[in-house]
Structure formats: structure tokens, C-alpha cells
Protein backbone atom coordinates (compact mmCIF):
# COMPACT_ATOMS: atom_id res chain seq x y z
CA MET A 1 0.00 0.00 0.00
CA LYS A 2 1.15 3.53 -0.73
CA ALA A 3 0.42 6.41 1.63
CA SER A 4 -1.78 7.93 -1.09
CA ASP A 5 -4.02 4.84 -0.97
CA ALA A 6 -5.01 5.42 2.67
CA ASP A 7 -6.44 7.93 5.07
CA ILE A 8 -3.62 8.22 7.60
CA LEU A 9 -4.97 9.29 10.96
CA ILE A 10 -2.43 10.85 13.32
CA ILE A 11 -3.52 10.21 16.91
CA PRO A 12 -1.42 12.09 19.45
CA GLY A 13 -1.31 11.43 23.16
CA TYR A 14 -1.68 13.52 26.28
CA THR A 15 -1.19 17.28 25.60
CA ASN A 16 -1.03 16.70 21.80
CA SER A 17 2.10 16.57 19.63
CA GLY A 18 3.85 19.89 19.16
CA PRO A 19 5.37 21.18 15.91
CA ASP A 20 8.72 19.44 16.49
CA HIS A 21 7.18 16.03 17.28
CA TRP A 22 7.60 13.32 14.65
CA GLN A 23 3.79 12.99 14.35
CA SER A 24 3.46 16.64 13.35
CA ARG A 25 6.30 16.29 10.86
CA TRP A 26 4.74 13.18 9.32
CA GLN A 27 1.37 14.90 9.09
CA ALA A 28 2.97 17.80 7.20
CA LYS A 29 4.74 15.45 4.75
CA LEU A 30 1.99 12.90 4.08
CA SER A 31 -0.70 14.36 1.83
CA THR A 32 -3.40 11.97 3.07
CA ALA A 33 -2.63 12.41 6.78
CA ARG A 34 -4.83 14.29 9.18
CA ARG A 35 -4.76 14.69 12.94
CA VAL A 36 -7.57 13.49 15.13
CA GLU A 37 -8.21 16.63 17.17
CA GLN A 38 -9.44 16.29 20.72
CA ALA A 39 -11.51 18.89 22.58
CA GLU A 40 -9.39 18.57 25.69
CA TRP A 41 -5.72 17.67 25.33
CA ALA A 42 -4.64 18.47 28.90
CA LYS A 43 -7.50 16.73 30.75
CA PRO A 44 -8.39 13.82 28.48
CA VAL A 45 -11.65 11.96 28.97
CA ARG A 46 -11.51 8.42 27.64
CA ASP A 47 -15.03 8.30 26.19
CA ASP A 48 -14.54 11.63 24.42
CA TRP A 49 -11.22 10.58 22.91
CA VAL A 50 -12.61 7.20 21.81
CA THR A 51 -15.65 8.87 20.23
CA ARG A 52 -13.51 11.37 18.26
CA ILE A 53 -11.26 8.61 16.92
CA ALA A 54 -14.26 6.50 15.87
CA GLU A 55 -15.85 9.54 14.17
CA GLU A 56 -12.70 10.17 12.12
CA VAL A 57 -12.30 6.50 11.18
CA ASN A 58 -15.96 6.22 10.19
CA ALA A 59 -15.78 9.43 8.10
CA SER A 60 -12.86 8.11 6.07
CA THR A 61 -13.35 7.32 2.41
CA ARG A 62 -10.29 5.09 1.96
CA PRO A 63 -8.76 2.32 4.05
CA VAL A 64 -7.42 3.78 7.29
CA VAL A 65 -3.91 3.58 8.71
CA LEU A 66 -3.72 4.70 12.33
CA VAL A 67 -0.55 6.30 13.71
CA ALA A 68 -0.93 6.53 17.48
CA HIS A 69 1.56 7.78 20.07
CA SER A 70 1.40 7.37 23.84
CA LEU A 71 -2.15 7.91 25.20
CA GLY A 72 -3.36 7.69 21.60
CA VAL A 73 -2.61 3.94 21.72
CA PRO A 74 -5.11 2.94 24.44
CA SER A 75 -7.58 5.41 22.93
CA VAL A 76 -7.41 3.54 19.61
CA ILE A 77 -7.66 0.13 21.28
CA HIS A 78 -10.82 1.18 23.14
CA ALA A 79 -12.30 2.68 19.94
CA ILE A 80 -11.99 -0.49 17.83
CA PRO A 81 -15.50 -1.81 18.59
CA HIS A 82 -16.91 1.45 17.19
CA PHE A 83 -15.12 1.31 13.82
CA ARG A 84 -17.35 0.76 10.78
CA ASN A 85 -14.71 1.38 8.10
CA LYS A 86 -11.77 -0.79 7.12
CA ILE A 87 -8.58 -0.38 9.11
CA ALA A 88 -5.64 -1.38 6.92
CA GLY A 89 -3.23 -1.26 9.85
CA ALA A 90 -2.03 0.59 12.92
CA PHE A 91 1.38 1.90 13.92
CA PHE A 92 1.60 2.21 17.72
CA VAL A 93 4.46 4.08 19.40
CA ALA A 94 5.35 4.28 23.12
CA PRO A 95 2.22 2.70 24.65
CA PRO A 96 1.95 3.94 28.23
CA ASP A 97 1.14 1.61 31.11
CA VAL A 98 -2.22 3.17 31.94
CA ALA A 99 -2.95 0.54 34.59
CA ASN A 100 0.11 1.58 36.62
CA PRO A 101 -1.04 3.47 39.75
CA GLY A 102 2.21 5.45 39.59
CA ILE A 103 1.27 7.13 36.29
CA ARG A 104 0.93 10.89 36.44
CA PRO A 105 -1.39 12.60 36.08
CA ARG A 106 -3.50 9.95 37.78
CA HIS A 107 -6.59 10.53 35.61
CA LEU A 108 -4.72 8.84 32.76
CA MET A 109 -5.48 5.54 34.54
CA THR A 110 -9.05 5.91 33.27
CA PHE A 111 -7.67 4.84 29.86
CA GLY A 112 -6.70 1.44 31.28
CA PRO A 113 -6.62 -1.41 31.37
CA TYR A 114 -5.88 -2.35 27.78
CA PRO A 115 -8.19 -4.86 26.12
CA ARG A 116 -6.07 -7.93 25.41
CA GLU A 117 -7.92 -9.58 22.54
CA PRO A 118 -6.05 -10.09 19.25
CA LEU A 119 -6.51 -7.08 16.99
CA PRO A 120 -8.48 -7.47 13.74
CA PHE A 121 -5.86 -5.72 11.58
CA PRO A 122 -2.04 -5.70 11.24
CA THR A 123 -0.11 -3.64 13.76
CA ILE A 124 3.40 -2.69 14.77
CA THR A 125 4.20 -1.54 18.29
CA VAL A 126 7.42 0.45 18.76
CA ALA A 127 8.64 0.58 22.35
CA SER A 128 11.62 2.02 24.18
CA ARG A 129 13.62 0.31 26.89
CA ASN A 130 13.64 3.42 29.09
CA ASP A 131 10.23 4.98 28.50
CA PRO A 132 9.20 6.76 31.72
CA PHE A 133 5.51 6.02 31.01
CA GLY A 134 5.69 2.29 30.35
CA THR A 135 8.23 -0.49 30.58
CA TYR A 136 9.45 -2.44 27.60
CA GLU A 137 8.16 -5.60 29.29
CA HIS A 138 4.67 -4.07 29.49
CA ALA A 139 4.79 -3.15 25.79
CA ASP A 140 6.00 -6.66 24.94
CA ASP A 141 3.15 -8.20 26.93
CA ILE A 142 0.35 -6.14 25.37
CA ALA A 143 1.82 -6.38 21.86
CA ALA A 144 1.94 -10.18 22.20
CA SER A 145 -1.70 -10.30 23.33
CA TRP A 146 -2.74 -8.19 20.33
CA GLY A 147 -0.66 -10.16 17.82
CA SER A 148 1.34 -7.00 17.12
CA LEU A 149 4.92 -7.05 15.86
CA LEU A 150 7.07 -5.44 18.57
CA VAL A 151 9.96 -3.23 17.44
CA ASP A 152 12.68 -2.53 20.02
CA ALA A 153 13.63 1.15 19.83
CA GLY A 154 16.46 0.73 22.34
CA GLU A 155 16.88 3.46 24.93
CA SER A 156 14.76 6.12 23.27
CA GLY A 157 12.80 7.63 26.15
CA HIS A 158 9.18 8.35 25.28
CA ILE A 159 9.97 8.61 21.55
CA ASN A 160 8.88 12.22 21.34
CA ALA A 161 10.48 15.58 20.64
CA ALA A 162 11.69 15.88 24.25
CA SER A 163 13.67 12.64 23.85
CA GLY A 164 15.21 13.84 20.58
CA HIS A 165 12.72 12.22 18.21
CA GLY A 166 11.55 15.15 16.14
CA PRO A 167 12.50 13.94 12.65
CA TRP A 168 12.85 10.28 13.78
CA PRO A 169 14.21 8.84 10.50
CA GLU A 170 14.31 5.29 11.92
CA GLY A 171 10.58 5.51 12.61
CA THR A 172 9.94 6.81 9.11
CA MET A 173 11.73 3.79 7.64
CA VAL A 174 9.83 1.31 9.83
CA PHE A 175 6.53 3.01 8.97
CA ALA A 176 7.30 2.99 5.22
CA GLN A 177 8.13 -0.72 5.36
CA PHE A 178 4.94 -1.41 7.35
CA LEU A 179 2.83 0.52 4.80
CA SER A 180 4.39 -1.40 1.91
CA ARG A 181 3.13 -4.66 3.40
CA LEU A 182 -0.47 -3.58 3.95
CA ASN A 183 -3.30 -4.46 1.59
CA PRO A 184 -5.51 -1.55 0.46
């Protein structure tokens, strides 16, 4: 599949992705990409985020490829039962451990726990070995339950602009390879 064959939905996490974040850069470069905007980025409400994602998926006119970072990952997972359109695949990056009582702010726990059923479309989960919001072991566990291919990003922090992942060329290459293997 080529990027032009899909509606690429960029799904940021808590507080959105700023202009230097790899998601914002990808959105600017991919002509068929659009961001799923949330009404409240700083005080996310799970049902509201899930509803917005489902609305954007269901409004799509082509197969959908989801690109979710951080809190966007559990939001997508919880939205799956509400999807009416075809999801070609999903690219998950830095899934937080939203069931961890140590997560801050604490209201992010309302996005957990993750459903653990196998996902009905191909996915890749990219995880860091030193992500402050979720351990690599947690990412490995949930990716295995979903049937998602886990990609080890090494010690990459939260894989965001603050951890030096603005352009993120390695992610671009993994995403391009993932897209090439999807069926429109």
C-alpha cells in the first residue's frame, strides 16, 4: 500500500504533539494524513477521545492507517468496537502503562486497562527500553496479546520531541516498510 491509498490518521497522546514532534512532521509530509483533534488535550476523557477517533475513522473514504503515540494507543484500542470502516493497519508508538497506579497525572489511569484480545488488523508496536511512562516488558506483553509485531527502539525515552525524536528517521523507515506490506 502507498500512503496515497489510505487515510492516515495521526492520533497524538496527552497534551497533543507539538510542531517538532515526529507525528506533526509526518502529518505535514503525508498528503493523506490528518490529525484526530481532541476537545481537551490536557484533561483527556476516555469516552470523548474514543468517540472522536471513531468519528474520524468512520468518516474516512479510503482504508485507514492509524498512527498513534502514547495515550493515543489505548484510545485507539478502546475505539476499535466502534469502527465501521476498514482499518488497513495501525502503527503504535510508546504505549503507556495506563494501569500503573504510579502514572501521572492519575486521571490517565481511566484509559486502562488495555483490552487484550487479538486485533483485527495488522499492527506494529514500537517501544523504548527506558520509557518513563511504560516499561518495555509491558509493551512486549500487550503487543503479544494483540498479535502486534514489537519493534525494540532501544533506549529512546518516550519517543517524542523531548527525547530527541523530532525527525525520527528510523521511525519513518519502519513506517514505510509497514505501509508497503499492507493491503488496500
